[in-house]
Amino acid sequence: MSAIEQKTVTADEAGMRLDRWFKTHYPGLGFGRLQKLLRTGQVRVDGKRADSNTRIAKGQVIRIPPLGVELPADDKKNAKPKSSKLTADDKAAIEDMLLFEDNQVMVLNKPVGLAVQGGSGLKRHLDGMLEAYTNQKGEKPKLVHRLDRETSGIILVAKTRKAAQELTKAFKHRNTRKIYWAMLAGVPKPRQGRISTFLARDEAEERMQVVRQGGADDAQHAVSLYSVFENSGQKLSWVTLKPVTGRTHQLRAHAAHIGHPIIGDDKYFNIENWELPGGIQNRLHLLARRIVIPHPSGNGLIDVSAPLPPHMQQTWNLLGFDTSDYNPDADEPDEALIKR
């Protein structure tokens, strides 16, 4: 860039810190260099001096002096742009997952086995795949929440910064309904209920454990609702689960806590000498079935449901369960249970 530029702040950028705005638009500009430009008044907002932590507003004009920004030699040498084939493959995979999309939101049906975010030894994960949708400003769609790797179903993705803020706010204030389907060992009694515990991480076992209040420094209160929809004798039950709070592994830990763990759960299944019925795969039978959340535009609701993954559909077929019998308005857990 060899001339002064004037850029107008968009609605999606409103509320950003000025240094974050520069990092988005000019990723090659170092923080120290930006600070110097701000101190000397070469960068201005609406003609006025600004600091790196200044919050910008829609319609404001940012003056950008000549920057001459380019990647350092080492970065150029080490930079490995993603191949067009990988980008195309990731886009195709995400398009196969799409349940709903508009200019602000994507709702995806995450398959079993796909990690949501990166970790040790993971080469492919949903967050990385979303880089295929990075726009010209260097911004990519943002995950709003997460699912365990072996859990399938609804994942919400914000396509703009403002949408991410609004959706995150809805989750924080619990203005959303998340409904899960699971196959449990046995039949919970009563057939509809509320589970309220404190959960803390067991680092050695890499799982959550139920503890008494104050029993661990990181203990968090967790509340789940459940409702048995159908059962196969006393051996198995199709249960709807609703997490009121959003703790790690909450539904899996809670199902095990009441003595009816989720089928195929390799971390929480705790019934000794229990045999899996023939024809049912030993894979986690947990689906993020439905989400209902205010649209980030403020107009209406997003209400999307995901189908059963193949291994769960096989189990439903073997047991003679029919998803069309389920009425979401009548068969989801009673919200009155939250206040018990």
C-alpha atoms as a PDB file:
ATOM      1  CA  MET A   1       0.000   0.000   0.000  1.00  0.00           C
ATOM      2  CA  SER A   2       1.643   3.223  -1.167  1.00  0.00           C
ATOM      3  CA  ALA A   3      -1.061   5.848  -0.618  1.00  0.00           C
ATOM      4  CA  ILE A   4      -3.310   7.047   2.200  1.00  0.00           C
ATOM      5  CA  GLU A   5      -6.568   5.094   2.403  1.00  0.00           C
ATOM      6  CA  GLN A   6      -9.856   5.883   4.072  1.00  0.00           C
ATOM      7  CA  LYS A   7     -11.944   2.877   5.091  1.00  0.00           C
ATOM      8  CA  THR A   8     -15.449   2.972   6.511  1.00  0.00           C
ATOM      9  CA  VAL A   9     -16.364   0.689   9.419  1.00  0.00           C
ATOM     10  CA  THR A  10     -19.094  -1.777   8.456  1.00  0.00           C
ATOM     11  CA  ALA A  11     -22.000  -2.852  10.663  1.00  0.00           C
ATOM     12  CA  ASP A  12     -20.353  -6.225  11.208  1.00  0.00           C
ATOM     13  CA  GLU A  13     -17.211  -4.519  12.530  1.00  0.00           C
ATOM     14  CA  ALA A  14     -19.006  -2.270  15.014  1.00  0.00           C
ATOM     15  CA  GLY A  15     -17.650  -2.701  18.539  1.00  0.00           C
ATOM     16  CA  MET A  16     -14.267  -4.083  17.477  1.00  0.00           C
ATOM     17  CA  ARG A  17     -11.081  -2.766  19.065  1.00  0.00           C
ATOM     18  CA  LEU A  18      -9.047  -0.728  16.618  1.00  0.00           C
ATOM     19  CA  ASP A  19      -6.000  -3.007  16.929  1.00  0.00           C
ATOM     20  CA  ARG A  20      -8.192  -6.023  16.194  1.00  0.00           C
ATOM     21  CA  TRP A  21      -9.599  -4.251  13.132  1.00  0.00           C
ATOM     22  CA  PHE A  22      -6.051  -3.687  11.832  1.00  0.00           C
ATOM     23  CA  LYS A  23      -5.103  -7.308  12.525  1.00  0.00           C
ATOM     24  CA  THR A  24      -8.097  -8.412  10.456  1.00  0.00           C
ATOM     25  CA  HIS A  25      -7.434  -6.058   7.524  1.00  0.00           C
ATOM     26  CA  TYR A  26      -3.632  -5.943   7.652  1.00  0.00           C
ATOM     27  CA  PRO A  27      -2.383  -9.181   9.248  1.00  0.00           C
ATOM     28  CA  GLY A  28       1.199  -8.355   8.264  1.00  0.00           C
ATOM     29  CA  LEU A  29       1.260  -5.149  10.319  1.00  0.00           C
ATOM     30  CA  GLY A  30       3.066  -5.673  13.615  1.00  0.00           C
ATOM     31  CA  PHE A  31       1.601  -4.402  16.881  1.00  0.00           C
ATOM     32  CA  GLY A  32       4.638  -2.192  17.595  1.00  0.00           C
ATOM     33  CA  ARG A  33       4.379  -0.559  14.188  1.00  0.00           C
ATOM     34  CA  LEU A  34       0.686   0.091  14.702  1.00  0.00           C
ATOM     35  CA  GLN A  35       1.375   1.658  18.098  1.00  0.00           C
ATOM     36  CA  LYS A  36       3.884   4.032  16.522  1.00  0.00           C
ATOM     37  CA  LEU A  37       1.414   5.036  13.815  1.00  0.00           C
ATOM     38  CA  LEU A  38      -1.201   5.722  16.480  1.00  0.00           C
ATOM     39  CA  ARG A  39       1.199   7.722  18.695  1.00  0.00           C
ATOM     40  CA  THR A  40       2.238   9.918  15.792  1.00  0.00           C
ATOM     41  CA  GLY A  41      -1.350  10.506  14.700  1.00  0.00           C
ATOM     42  CA  GLN A  42      -0.938   8.870  11.316  1.00  0.00           C
ATOM     43  CA  VAL A  43      -3.855   6.547  12.037  1.00  0.00           C
ATOM     44  CA  ARG A  44      -7.041   8.433  12.869  1.00  0.00           C
ATOM     45  CA  VAL A  45     -10.708   7.629  13.402  1.00  0.00           C
ATOM     46  CA  ASP A  46     -13.110  10.251  12.036  1.00  0.00           C
ATOM     47  CA  GLY A  47     -10.151  12.627  11.860  1.00  0.00           C
ATOM     48  CA  LYS A  48      -9.279  12.206  15.546  1.00  0.00           C
ATOM     49  CA  ARG A  49      -6.380  10.485  17.264  1.00  0.00           C
ATOM     50  CA  ALA A  50      -7.160   7.054  18.661  1.00  0.00           C
ATOM     51  CA  ASP A  51      -5.651   4.329  20.820  1.00  0.00           C
ATOM     52  CA  SER A  52      -5.244   0.642  20.056  1.00  0.00           C
ATOM     53  CA  ASN A  53      -8.127  -0.190  22.421  1.00  0.00           C
ATOM     54  CA  THR A  54     -10.533   2.336  20.876  1.00  0.00           C
ATOM     55  CA  ARG A  55     -13.879   0.711  20.053  1.00  0.00           C
ATOM     56  CA  ILE A  56     -14.981   1.574  16.538  1.00  0.00           C
ATOM     57  CA  ALA A  57     -18.563   2.174  15.407  1.00  0.00           C
ATOM     58  CA  LYS A  58     -20.458   1.637  12.171  1.00  0.00           C
ATOM     59  CA  GLY A  59     -19.901   4.429   9.674  1.00  0.00           C
ATOM     60  CA  GLN A  60     -16.708   5.759  11.232  1.00  0.00           C
ATOM     61  CA  VAL A  61     -13.865   6.415   8.804  1.00  0.00           C
ATOM     62  CA  ILE A  62     -10.394   5.094   9.573  1.00  0.00           C
ATOM     63  CA  ARG A  63      -7.408   6.831   8.031  1.00  0.00           C
ATOM     64  CA  ILE A  64      -4.653   4.401   7.053  1.00  0.00           C
ATOM     65  CA  PRO A  65      -1.252   5.830   6.052  1.00  0.00           C
ATOM     66  CA  PRO A  66       1.043   4.046   3.596  1.00  0.00           C
ATOM     67  CA  LEU A  67       1.998   0.816   5.362  1.00  0.00           C
ATOM     68  CA  GLY A  68       4.126  -1.113   2.884  1.00  0.00           C
ATOM     69  CA  VAL A  69       3.041  -4.254   4.682  1.00  0.00           C
ATOM     70  CA  GLU A  70       4.325  -7.581   3.433  1.00  0.00           C
ATOM     71  CA  LEU A  71       5.206 -10.906   4.971  1.00  0.00           C
ATOM     72  CA  PRO A  72       8.699 -11.106   6.488  1.00  0.00           C
ATOM     73  CA  ALA A  73      11.136 -13.272   4.525  1.00  0.00           C
ATOM     74  CA  ASP A  74      10.864 -16.143   7.052  1.00  0.00           C
ATOM     75  CA  ASP A  75       7.069 -16.068   6.912  1.00  0.00           C
ATOM     76  CA  LYS A  76       7.124 -16.108   3.124  1.00  0.00           C
ATOM     77  CA  LYS A  77       9.425 -19.095   3.178  1.00  0.00           C
ATOM     78  CA  ASN A  78       7.371 -21.032   5.712  1.00  0.00           C
ATOM     79  CA  ALA A  79       3.900 -20.046   4.548  1.00  0.00           C
ATOM     80  CA  LYS A  80       2.051 -23.021   3.106  1.00  0.00           C
ATOM     81  CA  PRO A  81      -1.194 -21.888   1.521  1.00  0.00           C
ATOM     82  CA  LYS A  82      -3.928 -24.435   1.497  1.00  0.00           C
ATOM     83  CA  SER A  83      -4.236 -26.085  -1.895  1.00  0.00           C
ATOM     84  CA  SER A  84      -7.287 -25.329  -3.980  1.00  0.00           C
ATOM     85  CA  LYS A  85      -8.129 -29.039  -3.972  1.00  0.00           C
ATOM     86  CA  LEU A  86      -8.223 -29.204  -0.170  1.00  0.00           C
ATOM     87  CA  THR A  87     -10.306 -26.045  -0.049  1.00  0.00           C
ATOM     88  CA  ALA A  88     -12.740 -27.505  -2.580  1.00  0.00           C
ATOM     89  CA  ASP A  89     -12.904 -30.792  -0.654  1.00  0.00           C
ATOM     90  CA  ASP A  90     -13.639 -28.971   2.605  1.00  0.00           C
ATOM     91  CA  LYS A  91     -16.339 -26.862   0.971  1.00  0.00           C
ATOM     92  CA  ALA A  92     -17.936 -29.938  -0.565  1.00  0.00           C
ATOM     93  CA  ALA A  93     -17.894 -31.732   2.808  1.00  0.00           C
ATOM     94  CA  ILE A  94     -19.490 -28.791   4.589  1.00  0.00           C
ATOM     95  CA  GLU A  95     -22.115 -28.424   1.866  1.00  0.00           C
ATOM     96  CA  ASP A  96     -23.018 -32.070   2.488  1.00  0.00           C
ATOM     97  CA  MET A  97     -23.565 -31.196   6.157  1.00  0.00           C
ATOM     98  CA  LEU A  98     -25.745 -28.128   5.504  1.00  0.00           C
ATOM     99  CA  LEU A  99     -29.217 -28.164   7.027  1.00  0.00           C
ATOM    100  CA  PHE A 100     -29.830 -24.409   6.831  1.00  0.00           C
ATOM    101  CA  GLU A 101     -27.971 -21.382   5.491  1.00  0.00           C
ATOM    102  CA  ASP A 102     -28.537 -17.677   4.954  1.00  0.00           C
ATOM    103  CA  ASN A 103     -26.216 -14.670   4.799  1.00  0.00           C
ATOM    104  CA  GLN A 104     -25.556 -14.764   8.569  1.00  0.00           C
ATOM    105  CA  VAL A 105     -25.795 -18.381   9.724  1.00  0.00           C
ATOM    106  CA  MET A 106     -25.016 -21.942   8.746  1.00  0.00           C
ATOM    107  CA  VAL A 107     -26.547 -24.893  10.590  1.00  0.00           C
ATOM    108  CA  LEU A 108     -24.578 -28.087  10.015  1.00  0.00           C
ATOM    109  CA  ASN A 109     -25.209 -31.763  10.699  1.00  0.00           C
ATOM    110  CA  LYS A 110     -21.828 -32.875  12.078  1.00  0.00           C
ATOM    111  CA  PRO A 111     -21.101 -36.531  11.369  1.00  0.00           C
ATOM    112  CA  VAL A 112     -19.871 -38.979  13.991  1.00  0.00           C
ATOM    113  CA  GLY A 113     -16.081 -39.017  14.297  1.00  0.00           C
ATOM    114  CA  LEU A 114     -15.411 -35.497  13.029  1.00  0.00           C
ATOM    115  CA  ALA A 115     -13.774 -33.330  15.694  1.00  0.00           C
ATOM    116  CA  VAL A 116     -15.130 -29.812  16.048  1.00  0.00           C
ATOM    117  CA  GLN A 117     -11.766 -28.254  16.918  1.00  0.00           C
ATOM    118  CA  GLY A 118      -8.141 -29.273  16.624  1.00  0.00           C
ATOM    119  CA  GLY A 119      -6.189 -31.254  19.176  1.00  0.00           C
ATOM    120  CA  SER A 120      -3.239 -33.564  19.566  1.00  0.00           C
ATOM    121  CA  GLY A 121      -2.847 -35.770  16.514  1.00  0.00           C
ATOM    122  CA  LEU A 122      -5.876 -34.303  14.706  1.00  0.00           C
ATOM    123  CA  LYS A 123      -5.253 -33.336  11.105  1.00  0.00           C
ATOM    124  CA  ARG A 124      -8.838 -32.612  10.111  1.00  0.00           C
ATOM    125  CA  HIS A 125     -11.518 -30.866  12.127  1.00  0.00           C
ATOM    126  CA  LEU A 126     -14.543 -28.700  11.443  1.00  0.00           C
ATOM    127  CA  ASP A 127     -12.949 -25.446  12.598  1.00  0.00           C
ATOM    128  CA  GLY A 128     -10.093 -25.960  10.151  1.00  0.00           C
ATOM    129  CA  MET A 129     -12.461 -26.922   7.333  1.00  0.00           C
ATOM    130  CA  LEU A 130     -14.295 -23.615   7.757  1.00  0.00           C
ATOM    131  CA  GLU A 131     -11.149 -21.846   6.523  1.00  0.00           C
ATOM    132  CA  ALA A 132     -12.401 -22.751   3.052  1.00  0.00           C
ATOM    133  CA  TYR A 133     -15.049 -20.056   3.589  1.00  0.00           C
ATOM    134  CA  THR A 134     -12.585 -17.304   4.601  1.00  0.00           C
ATOM    135  CA  ASN A 135     -13.601 -13.998   3.002  1.00  0.00           C
ATOM    136  CA  GLN A 136     -11.438 -11.295   1.445  1.00  0.00           C
ATOM    137  CA  LYS A 137     -10.925  -9.658   4.840  1.00  0.00           C
ATOM    138  CA  GLY A 138      -9.394 -12.836   6.198  1.00  0.00           C
ATOM    139  CA  GLU A 139     -12.456 -13.622   8.322  1.00  0.00           C
ATOM    140  CA  LYS A 140     -13.803 -17.162   8.449  1.00  0.00           C
ATOM    141  CA  PRO A 141     -17.132 -18.434   9.835  1.00  0.00           C
ATOM    142  CA  LYS A 142     -17.058 -18.941  13.586  1.00  0.00           C
ATOM    143  CA  LEU A 143     -18.229 -21.930  15.612  1.00  0.00           C
ATOM    144  CA  VAL A 144     -20.773 -20.801  18.193  1.00  0.00           C
ATOM    145  CA  HIS A 145     -20.758 -23.989  20.309  1.00  0.00           C
ATOM    146  CA  ARG A 146     -19.202 -27.466  20.286  1.00  0.00           C
ATOM    147  CA  LEU A 147     -20.074 -31.147  20.201  1.00  0.00           C
ATOM    148  CA  ASP A 148     -18.039 -34.135  21.334  1.00  0.00           C
ATOM    149  CA  ARG A 149     -16.228 -35.881  18.503  1.00  0.00           C
ATOM    150  CA  GLU A 150     -18.440 -39.002  18.663  1.00  0.00           C
ATOM    151  CA  THR A 151     -21.687 -37.013  19.002  1.00  0.00           C
ATOM    152  CA  SER A 152     -23.476 -36.238  15.748  1.00  0.00           C
ATOM    153  CA  GLY A 153     -25.955 -33.531  14.905  1.00  0.00           C
ATOM    154  CA  ILE A 154     -26.593 -29.819  15.065  1.00  0.00           C
ATOM    155  CA  ILE A 155     -23.685 -27.369  14.989  1.00  0.00           C
ATOM    156  CA  LEU A 156     -24.339 -23.641  14.653  1.00  0.00           C
ATOM    157  CA  VAL A 157     -21.859 -21.505  12.688  1.00  0.00           C
ATOM    158  CA  ALA A 158     -21.898 -17.705  12.464  1.00  0.00           C
ATOM    159  CA  LYS A 159     -20.881 -16.249   9.097  1.00  0.00           C
ATOM    160  CA  THR A 160     -20.335 -12.722  10.420  1.00  0.00           C
ATOM    161  CA  ARG A 161     -18.851 -11.229  13.564  1.00  0.00           C
ATOM    162  CA  LYS A 162     -22.145  -9.600  14.554  1.00  0.00           C
ATOM    163  CA  ALA A 163     -24.019 -12.882  14.103  1.00  0.00           C
ATOM    164  CA  ALA A 164     -21.453 -14.618  16.331  1.00  0.00           C
ATOM    165  CA  GLN A 165     -21.979 -11.986  19.042  1.00  0.00           C
ATOM    166  CA  GLU A 166     -25.774 -12.319  18.953  1.00  0.00           C
ATOM    167  CA  LEU A 167     -25.805 -16.121  18.903  1.00  0.00           C
ATOM    168  CA  THR A 168     -23.247 -16.328  21.706  1.00  0.00           C
ATOM    169  CA  LYS A 169     -25.400 -13.931  23.712  1.00  0.00           C
ATOM    170  CA  ALA A 170     -28.438 -16.174  23.167  1.00  0.00           C
ATOM    171  CA  PHE A 171     -26.508 -19.175  24.496  1.00  0.00           C
ATOM    172  CA  LYS A 172     -25.181 -17.211  27.450  1.00  0.00           C
ATOM    173  CA  HIS A 173     -28.642 -16.023  28.459  1.00  0.00           C
ATOM    174  CA  ARG A 174     -30.188 -19.439  27.709  1.00  0.00           C
ATOM    175  CA  ASN A 175     -32.558 -18.053  25.094  1.00  0.00           C
ATOM    176  CA  THR A 176     -32.202 -21.256  23.153  1.00  0.00           C
ATOM    177  CA  ARG A 177     -33.590 -24.791  23.146  1.00  0.00           C
ATOM    178  CA  LYS A 178     -31.136 -27.624  22.512  1.00  0.00           C
ATOM    179  CA  ILE A 179     -32.688 -31.057  22.250  1.00  0.00           C
ATOM    180  CA  TYR A 180     -30.748 -34.321  22.124  1.00  0.00           C
ATOM    181  CA  TRP A 181     -31.870 -37.876  21.429  1.00  0.00           C
ATOM    182  CA  ALA A 182     -30.126 -40.795  23.117  1.00  0.00           C
ATOM    183  CA  MET A 183     -30.481 -44.517  23.579  1.00  0.00           C
ATOM    184  CA  LEU A 184     -30.009 -45.395  27.232  1.00  0.00           C
ATOM    185  CA  ALA A 185     -29.412 -48.669  29.020  1.00  0.00           C
ATOM    186  CA  GLY A 186     -32.546 -49.476  30.991  1.00  0.00           C
ATOM    187  CA  VAL A 187     -35.543 -47.196  31.560  1.00  0.00           C
ATOM    188  CA  PRO A 188     -35.205 -44.189  33.876  1.00  0.00           C
ATOM    189  CA  LYS A 189     -37.817 -43.762  36.619  1.00  0.00           C
ATOM    190  CA  PRO A 190     -39.706 -41.529  36.730  1.00  0.00           C
ATOM    191  CA  ARG A 191     -40.078 -41.388  32.964  1.00  0.00           C
ATOM    192  CA  GLN A 192     -39.566 -37.637  33.032  1.00  0.00           C
ATOM    193  CA  GLY A 193     -37.233 -35.794  35.368  1.00  0.00           C
ATOM    194  CA  ARG A 194     -34.543 -33.276  36.238  1.00  0.00           C
ATOM    195  CA  ILE A 195     -30.898 -34.075  36.990  1.00  0.00           C
ATOM    196  CA  SER A 196     -28.990 -31.512  39.038  1.00  0.00           C
ATOM    197  CA  THR A 197     -25.366 -32.111  40.095  1.00  0.00           C
ATOM    198  CA  PHE A 198     -21.960 -30.489  40.278  1.00  0.00           C
ATOM    199  CA  LEU A 199     -19.402 -31.649  37.728  1.00  0.00           C
ATOM    200  CA  ALA A 200     -15.614 -31.432  37.887  1.00  0.00           C
ATOM    201  CA  ARG A 201     -12.925 -32.642  35.498  1.00  0.00           C
ATOM    202  CA  ASP A 202     -11.083 -35.858  36.310  1.00  0.00           C
ATOM    203  CA  GLU A 203      -7.798 -35.199  34.518  1.00  0.00           C
ATOM    204  CA  ALA A 204      -6.498 -38.743  34.987  1.00  0.00           C
ATOM    205  CA  GLU A 205      -9.547 -40.301  33.329  1.00  0.00           C
ATOM    206  CA  GLU A 206     -10.125 -37.407  30.880  1.00  0.00           C
ATOM    207  CA  ARG A 207     -13.775 -37.230  31.864  1.00  0.00           C
ATOM    208  CA  MET A 208     -16.177 -35.345  34.108  1.00  0.00           C
ATOM    209  CA  GLN A 209     -17.185 -36.670  37.497  1.00  0.00           C
ATOM    210  CA  VAL A 210     -20.117 -35.840  39.745  1.00  0.00           C
ATOM    211  CA  VAL A 211     -18.949 -34.157  42.959  1.00  0.00           C
ATOM    212  CA  ARG A 212     -20.619 -32.522  45.927  1.00  0.00           C
ATOM    213  CA  GLN A 213     -20.953 -28.746  45.929  1.00  0.00           C
ATOM    214  CA  GLY A 214     -17.557 -27.303  46.803  1.00  0.00           C
ATOM    215  CA  GLY A 215     -15.976 -30.736  46.426  1.00  0.00           C
ATOM    216  CA  ALA A 216     -13.554 -29.500  43.758  1.00  0.00           C
ATOM    217  CA  ASP A 217     -12.146 -26.101  42.857  1.00  0.00           C
ATOM    218  CA  ASP A 218     -13.446 -26.321  39.297  1.00  0.00           C
ATOM    219  CA  ALA A 219     -16.861 -27.829  40.134  1.00  0.00           C
ATOM    220  CA  GLN A 220     -19.714 -26.336  38.118  1.00  0.00           C
ATOM    221  CA  HIS A 221     -23.449 -26.719  38.598  1.00  0.00           C
ATOM    222  CA  ALA A 222     -25.070 -28.703  35.794  1.00  0.00           C
ATOM    223  CA  VAL A 223     -28.788 -29.232  35.137  1.00  0.00           C
ATOM    224  CA  SER A 224     -30.353 -31.532  32.548  1.00  0.00           C
ATOM    225  CA  LEU A 225     -33.931 -32.552  31.789  1.00  0.00           C
ATOM    226  CA  TYR A 226     -34.929 -35.919  30.357  1.00  0.00           C
ATOM    227  CA  SER A 227     -38.055 -37.600  29.056  1.00  0.00           C
ATOM    228  CA  VAL A 228     -38.489 -41.256  28.053  1.00  0.00           C
ATOM    229  CA  PHE A 229     -40.310 -41.406  24.737  1.00  0.00           C
ATOM    230  CA  GLU A 230     -40.270 -45.140  24.026  1.00  0.00           C
ATOM    231  CA  ASN A 231     -38.628 -48.232  25.444  1.00  0.00           C
ATOM    232  CA  SER A 232     -37.835 -51.804  24.456  1.00  0.00           C
ATOM    233  CA  GLY A 233     -38.837 -53.752  27.530  1.00  0.00           C
ATOM    234  CA  GLN A 234     -36.568 -52.807  30.425  1.00  0.00           C
ATOM    235  CA  LYS A 235     -33.381 -53.160  28.355  1.00  0.00           C
ATOM    236  CA  LEU A 236     -33.250 -49.957  26.294  1.00  0.00           C
ATOM    237  CA  SER A 237     -35.019 -46.602  26.105  1.00  0.00           C
ATOM    238  CA  TRP A 238     -35.229 -43.782  23.579  1.00  0.00           C
ATOM    239  CA  VAL A 239     -34.832 -40.647  25.667  1.00  0.00           C
ATOM    240  CA  THR A 240     -35.005 -36.938  24.900  1.00  0.00           C
ATOM    241  CA  LEU A 241     -32.426 -34.880  26.779  1.00  0.00           C
ATOM    242  CA  LYS A 242     -32.332 -31.132  27.274  1.00  0.00           C
ATOM    243  CA  PRO A 243     -29.221 -29.511  28.773  1.00  0.00           C
ATOM    244  CA  VAL A 244     -30.276 -26.454  30.762  1.00  0.00           C
ATOM    245  CA  THR A 245     -26.617 -25.613  31.404  1.00  0.00           C
ATOM    246  CA  GLY A 246     -23.814 -26.313  28.953  1.00  0.00           C
ATOM    247  CA  ARG A 247     -21.031 -28.198  30.722  1.00  0.00           C
ATOM    248  CA  THR A 248     -18.518 -30.513  29.066  1.00  0.00           C
ATOM    249  CA  HIS A 249     -19.898 -34.080  28.687  1.00  0.00           C
ATOM    250  CA  GLN A 250     -22.897 -32.992  30.775  1.00  0.00           C
ATOM    251  CA  LEU A 251     -25.516 -35.297  29.263  1.00  0.00           C
ATOM    252  CA  ARG A 252     -23.173 -38.280  29.185  1.00  0.00           C
ATOM    253  CA  ALA A 253     -22.159 -37.817  32.823  1.00  0.00           C
ATOM    254  CA  HIS A 254     -25.750 -37.207  33.944  1.00  0.00           C
ATOM    255  CA  ALA A 255     -27.111 -40.287  32.169  1.00  0.00           C
ATOM    256  CA  ALA A 256     -24.492 -42.431  33.888  1.00  0.00           C
ATOM    257  CA  HIS A 257     -25.179 -40.708  37.218  1.00  0.00           C
ATOM    258  CA  ILE A 258     -28.833 -41.834  37.246  1.00  0.00           C
ATOM    259  CA  GLY A 259     -27.785 -45.396  36.417  1.00  0.00           C
ATOM    260  CA  HIS A 260     -28.796 -45.330  32.745  1.00  0.00           C
ATOM    261  CA  PRO A 261     -25.688 -44.535  30.692  1.00  0.00           C
ATOM    262  CA  ILE A 262     -25.810 -43.855  26.971  1.00  0.00           C
ATOM    263  CA  ILE A 263     -25.248 -46.894  24.767  1.00  0.00           C
ATOM    264  CA  GLY A 264     -21.766 -46.999  23.265  1.00  0.00           C
ATOM    265  CA  ASP A 265     -20.278 -44.401  25.630  1.00  0.00           C
ATOM    266  CA  ASP A 266     -16.699 -45.538  26.180  1.00  0.00           C
ATOM    267  CA  LYS A 267     -16.071 -42.984  28.953  1.00  0.00           C
ATOM    268  CA  TYR A 268     -19.210 -43.150  31.073  1.00  0.00           C
ATOM    269  CA  PHE A 269     -20.864 -46.531  30.544  1.00  0.00           C
ATOM    270  CA  ASN A 270     -20.642 -48.006  34.043  1.00  0.00           C
ATOM    271  CA  ILE A 271     -22.888 -51.097  34.202  1.00  0.00           C
ATOM    272  CA  GLU A 272     -20.861 -54.254  34.811  1.00  0.00           C
ATOM    273  CA  ASN A 273     -21.599 -57.406  32.776  1.00  0.00           C
ATOM    274  CA  TRP A 274     -24.125 -55.536  30.623  1.00  0.00           C
ATOM    275  CA  GLU A 275     -24.405 -57.051  27.154  1.00  0.00           C
ATOM    276  CA  LEU A 276     -25.201 -55.023  24.068  1.00  0.00           C
ATOM    277  CA  PRO A 277     -28.161 -56.529  22.185  1.00  0.00           C
ATOM    278  CA  GLY A 278     -27.236 -58.216  18.917  1.00  0.00           C
ATOM    279  CA  GLY A 279     -27.249 -56.050  15.803  1.00  0.00           C
ATOM    280  CA  ILE A 280     -26.591 -52.798  17.696  1.00  0.00           C
ATOM    281  CA  GLN A 281     -23.258 -51.117  17.100  1.00  0.00           C
ATOM    282  CA  ASN A 282     -21.106 -50.229  20.099  1.00  0.00           C
ATOM    283  CA  ARG A 283     -20.943 -46.536  19.174  1.00  0.00           C
ATOM    284  CA  LEU A 284     -22.161 -43.508  21.078  1.00  0.00           C
ATOM    285  CA  HIS A 285     -25.929 -43.216  20.665  1.00  0.00           C
ATOM    286  CA  LEU A 286     -26.230 -39.471  21.173  1.00  0.00           C
ATOM    287  CA  LEU A 287     -27.614 -37.009  18.626  1.00  0.00           C
ATOM    288  CA  ALA A 288     -27.868 -33.221  18.881  1.00  0.00           C
ATOM    289  CA  ARG A 289     -31.325 -33.432  17.379  1.00  0.00           C
ATOM    290  CA  ARG A 290     -32.776 -29.924  17.350  1.00  0.00           C
ATOM    291  CA  ILE A 291     -31.935 -26.295  18.018  1.00  0.00           C
ATOM    292  CA  VAL A 292     -34.321 -23.367  18.408  1.00  0.00           C
ATOM    293  CA  ILE A 293     -32.613 -19.996  18.765  1.00  0.00           C
ATOM    294  CA  PRO A 294     -33.434 -16.358  17.917  1.00  0.00           C
ATOM    295  CA  HIS A 295     -32.072 -15.351  14.525  1.00  0.00           C
ATOM    296  CA  PRO A 296     -29.121 -12.953  14.985  1.00  0.00           C
ATOM    297  CA  SER A 297     -30.922 -10.383  12.823  1.00  0.00           C
ATOM    298  CA  GLY A 298     -33.607 -10.119  15.501  1.00  0.00           C
ATOM    299  CA  ASN A 299     -36.248 -11.405  13.079  1.00  0.00           C
ATOM    300  CA  GLY A 300     -37.806 -14.763  13.910  1.00  0.00           C
ATOM    301  CA  LEU A 301     -36.275 -18.029  15.044  1.00  0.00           C
ATOM    302  CA  ILE A 302     -33.886 -20.592  13.642  1.00  0.00           C
ATOM    303  CA  ASP A 303     -35.525 -23.992  14.199  1.00  0.00           C
ATOM    304  CA  VAL A 304     -33.640 -26.905  12.656  1.00  0.00           C
ATOM    305  CA  SER A 305     -33.557 -30.663  13.288  1.00  0.00           C
ATOM    306  CA  ALA A 306     -30.954 -33.265  12.300  1.00  0.00           C
ATOM    307  CA  PRO A 307     -31.645 -36.855  11.206  1.00  0.00           C
ATOM    308  CA  LEU A 308     -30.349 -39.914  13.044  1.00  0.00           C
ATOM    309  CA  PRO A 309     -26.819 -40.941  12.024  1.00  0.00           C
ATOM    310  CA  PRO A 310     -26.591 -44.380  10.325  1.00  0.00           C
ATOM    311  CA  HIS A 311     -25.631 -46.406  13.424  1.00  0.00           C
ATOM    312  CA  MET A 312     -28.501 -44.916  15.453  1.00  0.00           C
ATOM    313  CA  GLN A 313     -30.964 -45.367  12.574  1.00  0.00           C
ATOM    314  CA  GLN A 314     -29.945 -49.035  12.480  1.00  0.00           C
ATOM    315  CA  THR A 315     -30.757 -49.356  16.188  1.00  0.00           C
ATOM    316  CA  TRP A 316     -34.111 -47.587  15.785  1.00  0.00           C
ATOM    317  CA  ASN A 317     -34.973 -49.954  12.924  1.00  0.00           C
ATOM    318  CA  LEU A 318     -34.013 -53.052  14.928  1.00  0.00           C
ATOM    319  CA  LEU A 319     -36.196 -51.943  17.847  1.00  0.00           C
ATOM    320  CA  GLY A 320     -39.092 -50.874  15.639  1.00  0.00           C
ATOM    321  CA  PHE A 321     -38.907 -47.229  16.722  1.00  0.00           C
ATOM    322  CA  ASP A 322     -40.251 -44.685  14.231  1.00  0.00           C
ATOM    323  CA  THR A 323     -39.008 -41.081  14.378  1.00  0.00           C
ATOM    324  CA  SER A 324     -42.218 -39.872  12.721  1.00  0.00           C
ATOM    325  CA  ASP A 325     -44.114 -40.856  15.893  1.00  0.00           C
ATOM    326  CA  TYR A 326     -42.253 -38.162  17.813  1.00  0.00           C
ATOM    327  CA  ASN A 327     -44.067 -34.844  18.320  1.00  0.00           C
ATOM    328  CA  PRO A 328     -41.572 -32.166  19.418  1.00  0.00           C
ATOM    329  CA  ASP A 329     -44.302 -29.937  20.842  1.00  0.00           C
ATOM    330  CA  ALA A 330     -45.627 -32.703  23.100  1.00  0.00           C
ATOM    331  CA  ASP A 331     -42.713 -35.057  23.677  1.00  0.00           C
ATOM    332  CA  GLU A 332     -39.835 -32.793  24.694  1.00  0.00           C
ATOM    333  CA  PRO A 333     -39.077 -32.514  28.440  1.00  0.00           C
ATOM    334  CA  ASP A 334     -41.456 -30.244  30.356  1.00  0.00           C
ATOM    335  CA  GLU A 335     -39.791 -26.827  30.848  1.00  0.00           C
ATOM    336  CA  ALA A 336     -41.484 -26.620  34.278  1.00  0.00           C
ATOM    337  CA  LEU A 337     -38.928 -29.184  35.475  1.00  0.00           C
ATOM    338  CA  ILE A 338     -36.185 -26.525  35.285  1.00  0.00           C
ATOM    339  CA  LYS A 339     -37.482 -24.792  38.424  1.00  0.00           C
ATOM    340  CA  ARG A 340     -37.823 -27.895  40.558  1.00  0.00           C
END
